[in-house]
N, C-alpha and C. Protein backbone atom coordinates (compact mmCIF):
# COMPACT_ATOMS: atom_id res chain seq x y z
N UNK A 1 109.59 84.12 109.46
CA UNK A 1 109.95 83.69 108.18
C UNK A 1 111.45 83.85 107.77
N UNK A 2 111.72 85.14 108.15
CA UNK A 2 113.23 85.65 107.71
C UNK A 2 114.12 85.27 108.81
N UNK A 3 113.83 85.24 109.94
CA UNK A 3 114.99 85.00 110.93
C UNK A 3 114.93 83.77 111.54
N UNK A 4 114.21 82.78 111.03
CA UNK A 4 114.18 81.41 111.58
C UNK A 4 115.35 80.63 111.20
N UNK A 5 115.86 80.57 109.96
CA UNK A 5 117.02 80.08 109.41
C UNK A 5 117.20 80.57 108.02
N UNK A 6 118.33 80.23 107.53
CA UNK A 6 118.89 80.66 106.14
C UNK A 6 117.99 79.83 105.21
N UNK A 7 117.69 78.65 105.33
CA UNK A 7 116.97 77.73 104.40
C UNK A 7 115.60 78.44 104.40
N UNK A 8 114.99 78.60 105.39
CA UNK A 8 113.67 79.31 105.19
C UNK A 8 113.61 80.73 104.61
N UNK A 9 114.70 81.32 104.76
CA UNK A 9 114.71 82.66 104.29
C UNK A 9 114.89 82.64 102.88
N UNK A 10 115.59 81.75 102.40
CA UNK A 10 116.05 81.46 100.92
C UNK A 10 114.83 80.88 100.18
N UNK A 11 114.04 80.10 100.89
CA UNK A 11 112.77 79.62 100.29
C UNK A 11 111.78 80.64 100.15
N UNK A 12 111.70 81.51 101.22
CA UNK A 12 110.59 82.47 101.12
C UNK A 12 110.96 83.65 100.27
N UNK A 13 112.21 84.26 100.37
CA UNK A 13 112.62 85.55 99.80
C UNK A 13 113.66 85.40 98.77
N UNK A 14 114.13 84.21 98.50
CA UNK A 14 115.17 84.02 97.54
C UNK A 14 116.50 84.67 97.70
N UNK A 15 116.78 84.83 99.21
CA UNK A 15 117.88 85.19 99.53
C UNK A 15 118.37 84.89 101.04
N UNK A 16 119.64 84.84 101.40
CA UNK A 16 119.97 84.42 102.90
C UNK A 16 119.68 85.61 103.76
N UNK A 17 119.70 85.33 105.05
CA UNK A 17 119.40 86.38 106.17
C UNK A 17 120.38 87.47 106.00
N UNK A 18 121.73 87.26 105.65
CA UNK A 18 122.64 88.25 105.74
C UNK A 18 122.44 89.11 104.55
N UNK A 19 122.16 88.72 103.45
CA UNK A 19 121.90 89.56 102.21
C UNK A 19 120.66 90.25 102.40
N UNK A 20 119.52 89.63 103.00
CA UNK A 20 118.27 90.44 103.37
C UNK A 20 118.68 91.52 104.28
N UNK A 21 119.41 91.36 105.30
CA UNK A 21 119.71 92.54 106.35
C UNK A 21 120.42 93.70 105.58
N UNK A 22 121.39 93.22 104.63
CA UNK A 22 121.95 94.22 103.81
C UNK A 22 121.22 94.95 102.92
N UNK A 23 120.21 94.44 102.31
CA UNK A 23 119.35 95.13 101.33
C UNK A 23 118.44 96.07 102.28
N UNK A 24 117.91 95.48 103.58
CA UNK A 24 117.08 96.50 104.31
C UNK A 24 117.87 97.65 104.82
N UNK A 25 119.00 97.47 105.10
CA UNK A 25 119.89 98.47 105.58
C UNK A 25 120.02 99.63 104.52
N UNK A 26 120.34 99.00 103.31
CA UNK A 26 120.50 99.98 102.15
C UNK A 26 119.28 100.67 101.70
N UNK A 27 118.08 100.04 102.12
CA UNK A 27 116.79 100.60 101.68
C UNK A 27 116.73 101.75 102.81
N UNK A 28 117.02 101.45 103.98
CA UNK A 28 116.83 102.35 105.11
C UNK A 28 117.61 103.73 104.94
N UNK A 29 118.86 103.52 104.54
CA UNK A 29 119.76 104.60 104.50
C UNK A 29 119.64 105.31 103.19
N UNK A 30 119.74 104.70 102.04
CA UNK A 30 119.76 105.23 100.56
C UNK A 30 118.38 105.42 100.18
N UNK A 31 117.54 104.59 100.35
CA UNK A 31 116.20 104.48 99.85
C UNK A 31 115.24 105.24 100.64
N UNK A 32 115.68 105.76 101.95
CA UNK A 32 114.85 106.52 102.91
C UNK A 32 113.47 105.86 103.29
N UNK A 33 113.69 104.37 103.38
CA UNK A 33 112.54 103.68 103.88
C UNK A 33 112.53 103.62 105.44
N UNK A 34 111.50 103.96 106.14
CA UNK A 34 111.35 104.14 107.41
C UNK A 34 110.36 103.12 108.06
N UNK A 35 110.55 102.71 109.37
CA UNK A 35 109.61 101.82 110.07
C UNK A 35 108.45 103.05 110.31
N UNK A 36 107.31 102.32 110.24
CA UNK A 36 106.08 103.02 110.68
C UNK A 36 105.63 102.53 111.95
N UNK A 37 104.44 102.85 112.45
CA UNK A 37 104.00 102.84 113.71
C UNK A 37 103.63 101.16 113.76
N UNK A 38 103.15 100.56 112.66
CA UNK A 38 102.79 99.29 112.64
C UNK A 38 103.58 98.33 111.92
N UNK A 39 104.43 98.69 111.26
CA UNK A 39 105.05 97.79 110.26
C UNK A 39 106.59 98.29 110.17
N UNK A 40 107.58 97.28 110.52
CA UNK A 40 108.91 97.48 110.34
C UNK A 40 109.68 97.38 109.00
N UNK A 41 110.74 98.15 108.82
CA UNK A 41 111.30 97.90 107.44
C UNK A 41 111.42 96.63 106.95
N UNK A 42 111.99 95.64 107.87
CA UNK A 42 112.16 94.35 107.33
C UNK A 42 110.99 93.50 107.12
N UNK A 43 109.86 93.96 107.67
CA UNK A 43 108.59 93.32 107.22
C UNK A 43 108.00 93.75 105.91
N UNK A 44 108.19 95.06 105.69
CA UNK A 44 107.93 95.76 104.58
C UNK A 44 108.65 94.94 103.25
N UNK A 45 110.17 95.05 103.44
CA UNK A 45 110.90 94.30 102.35
C UNK A 45 110.44 92.79 102.29
N UNK A 46 110.24 92.09 103.45
CA UNK A 46 109.81 90.66 103.10
C UNK A 46 108.66 90.63 102.47
N UNK A 47 107.59 91.30 102.55
CA UNK A 47 106.43 91.20 101.89
C UNK A 47 106.62 91.59 100.30
N UNK A 48 107.35 92.54 100.16
CA UNK A 48 107.81 92.92 98.74
C UNK A 48 108.47 91.85 98.10
N UNK A 49 109.53 91.34 98.74
CA UNK A 49 110.42 90.08 98.11
C UNK A 49 109.57 88.90 98.01
N UNK A 50 108.65 88.57 98.89
CA UNK A 50 108.07 87.35 98.86
C UNK A 50 106.90 87.56 97.73
N UNK A 51 106.29 88.65 97.35
CA UNK A 51 105.32 88.86 96.27
C UNK A 51 106.29 88.52 94.95
N UNK A 52 107.37 89.30 94.79
CA UNK A 52 108.17 89.02 93.57
C UNK A 52 108.81 87.72 93.29
N UNK A 53 109.11 87.05 94.48
CA UNK A 53 109.71 85.90 94.14
C UNK A 53 108.87 84.52 94.25
N UNK A 54 107.57 84.73 94.47
CA UNK A 54 106.65 83.71 94.19
C UNK A 54 105.23 84.18 93.28
N UNK A 55 105.40 85.49 92.81
CA UNK A 55 104.19 85.94 92.11
C UNK A 55 102.87 85.74 92.77
N UNK A 56 102.90 85.96 94.13
CA UNK A 56 101.72 85.79 95.04
C UNK A 56 100.70 87.05 94.81
N UNK A 57 99.51 86.57 95.12
CA UNK A 57 98.53 87.68 94.92
C UNK A 57 98.37 88.34 96.18
N UNK A 58 97.79 89.49 96.40
CA UNK A 58 97.61 90.04 97.61
C UNK A 58 96.75 89.45 98.57
N UNK A 59 95.79 88.61 98.16
CA UNK A 59 95.02 87.83 99.40
C UNK A 59 95.89 86.95 99.84
N UNK A 60 96.70 86.20 99.37
CA UNK A 60 97.67 85.35 99.76
C UNK A 60 98.70 85.87 100.78
N UNK A 61 99.26 87.10 100.55
CA UNK A 61 100.19 87.76 101.14
C UNK A 61 99.29 88.31 102.57
N UNK A 62 97.99 88.80 102.32
CA UNK A 62 97.27 89.22 103.72
C UNK A 62 97.18 88.08 104.58
N UNK A 63 96.97 86.76 104.12
CA UNK A 63 97.06 85.78 105.04
C UNK A 63 98.35 85.34 105.75
N UNK A 64 99.46 85.53 104.85
CA UNK A 64 100.65 85.05 105.52
C UNK A 64 101.17 85.98 106.33
N UNK A 65 101.02 87.25 106.02
CA UNK A 65 101.60 88.33 106.97
C UNK A 65 100.55 88.94 108.08
N UNK A 66 99.35 88.52 107.80
CA UNK A 66 97.94 89.12 108.83
C UNK A 66 97.98 90.55 108.62
N UNK A 67 98.00 91.08 107.39
CA UNK A 67 97.80 92.49 107.18
C UNK A 67 96.61 92.56 106.19
N UNK A 68 96.06 93.79 106.34
CA UNK A 68 94.95 94.24 105.31
C UNK A 68 95.55 94.26 103.91
N UNK A 69 94.52 94.02 102.96
CA UNK A 69 94.96 94.18 101.30
C UNK A 69 95.75 95.71 101.10
N UNK A 70 95.04 96.64 101.54
CA UNK A 70 95.51 98.02 101.35
C UNK A 70 96.88 98.15 101.97
N UNK A 71 97.21 97.72 103.14
CA UNK A 71 98.48 97.85 103.81
C UNK A 71 99.42 97.26 103.01
N UNK A 72 99.20 95.86 102.49
CA UNK A 72 100.02 95.16 101.52
C UNK A 72 100.47 96.08 100.34
N UNK A 73 99.30 96.61 99.56
CA UNK A 73 99.61 97.32 98.51
C UNK A 73 100.43 98.61 98.75
N UNK A 74 100.14 99.17 99.88
CA UNK A 74 100.68 100.40 100.18
C UNK A 74 102.29 100.31 100.56
N UNK A 75 102.64 99.29 101.10
CA UNK A 75 104.03 98.95 101.48
C UNK A 75 104.70 98.53 100.22
N UNK A 76 103.98 97.70 99.51
CA UNK A 76 104.66 97.23 98.24
C UNK A 76 105.14 98.26 97.50
N UNK A 77 104.26 99.34 97.04
CA UNK A 77 104.59 100.62 96.51
C UNK A 77 105.73 101.49 97.28
N UNK A 78 105.72 101.39 98.58
CA UNK A 78 106.59 102.30 99.34
C UNK A 78 108.20 101.54 99.07
N UNK A 79 108.00 100.28 99.03
CA UNK A 79 109.26 99.55 98.98
C UNK A 79 109.94 99.74 97.47
N UNK A 80 109.04 99.51 96.64
CA UNK A 80 109.34 99.72 95.36
C UNK A 80 109.94 101.07 95.01
N UNK A 81 109.32 102.34 95.56
CA UNK A 81 109.85 103.54 95.39
C UNK A 81 111.27 103.58 95.89
N UNK A 82 111.51 102.80 97.00
CA UNK A 82 112.96 103.03 97.70
C UNK A 82 113.75 102.18 96.88
N UNK A 83 113.30 100.90 96.31
CA UNK A 83 114.31 100.25 95.65
C UNK A 83 114.63 101.20 94.27
N UNK A 84 113.83 101.84 93.59
CA UNK A 84 114.01 102.74 92.52
C UNK A 84 114.93 103.90 92.72
N UNK A 85 114.96 104.24 94.06
CA UNK A 85 115.92 105.29 94.66
C UNK A 85 117.53 104.80 94.70
N UNK A 86 117.65 103.57 94.75
CA UNK A 86 118.86 102.92 94.72
C UNK A 86 119.52 102.76 93.35
N UNK A 87 118.81 102.88 92.38
CA UNK A 87 119.34 102.74 90.96
C UNK A 87 120.27 104.10 90.78
N UNK A 88 121.22 103.90 89.92
CA UNK A 88 122.13 105.06 89.55
C UNK A 88 123.06 105.25 90.72
């Protein structure tokens, strides 16, 4: 979804690939967001942005990212906390 093209990335996440990679890098360094055994930082951030950009429900994100609902919820909250660490 993210790395296919800028058009697809903008349609899905409301930002281009370069901006997305900068955001992921910022969340990794300043927000202390880390890859887990099963989910990479860029996938966590993509789920988070897709939910915000399209006001999607958990069940829709489960189907799109092939993850359980609890996983979606956990990583949404993890990315949200990392974004809040960027403020100030």
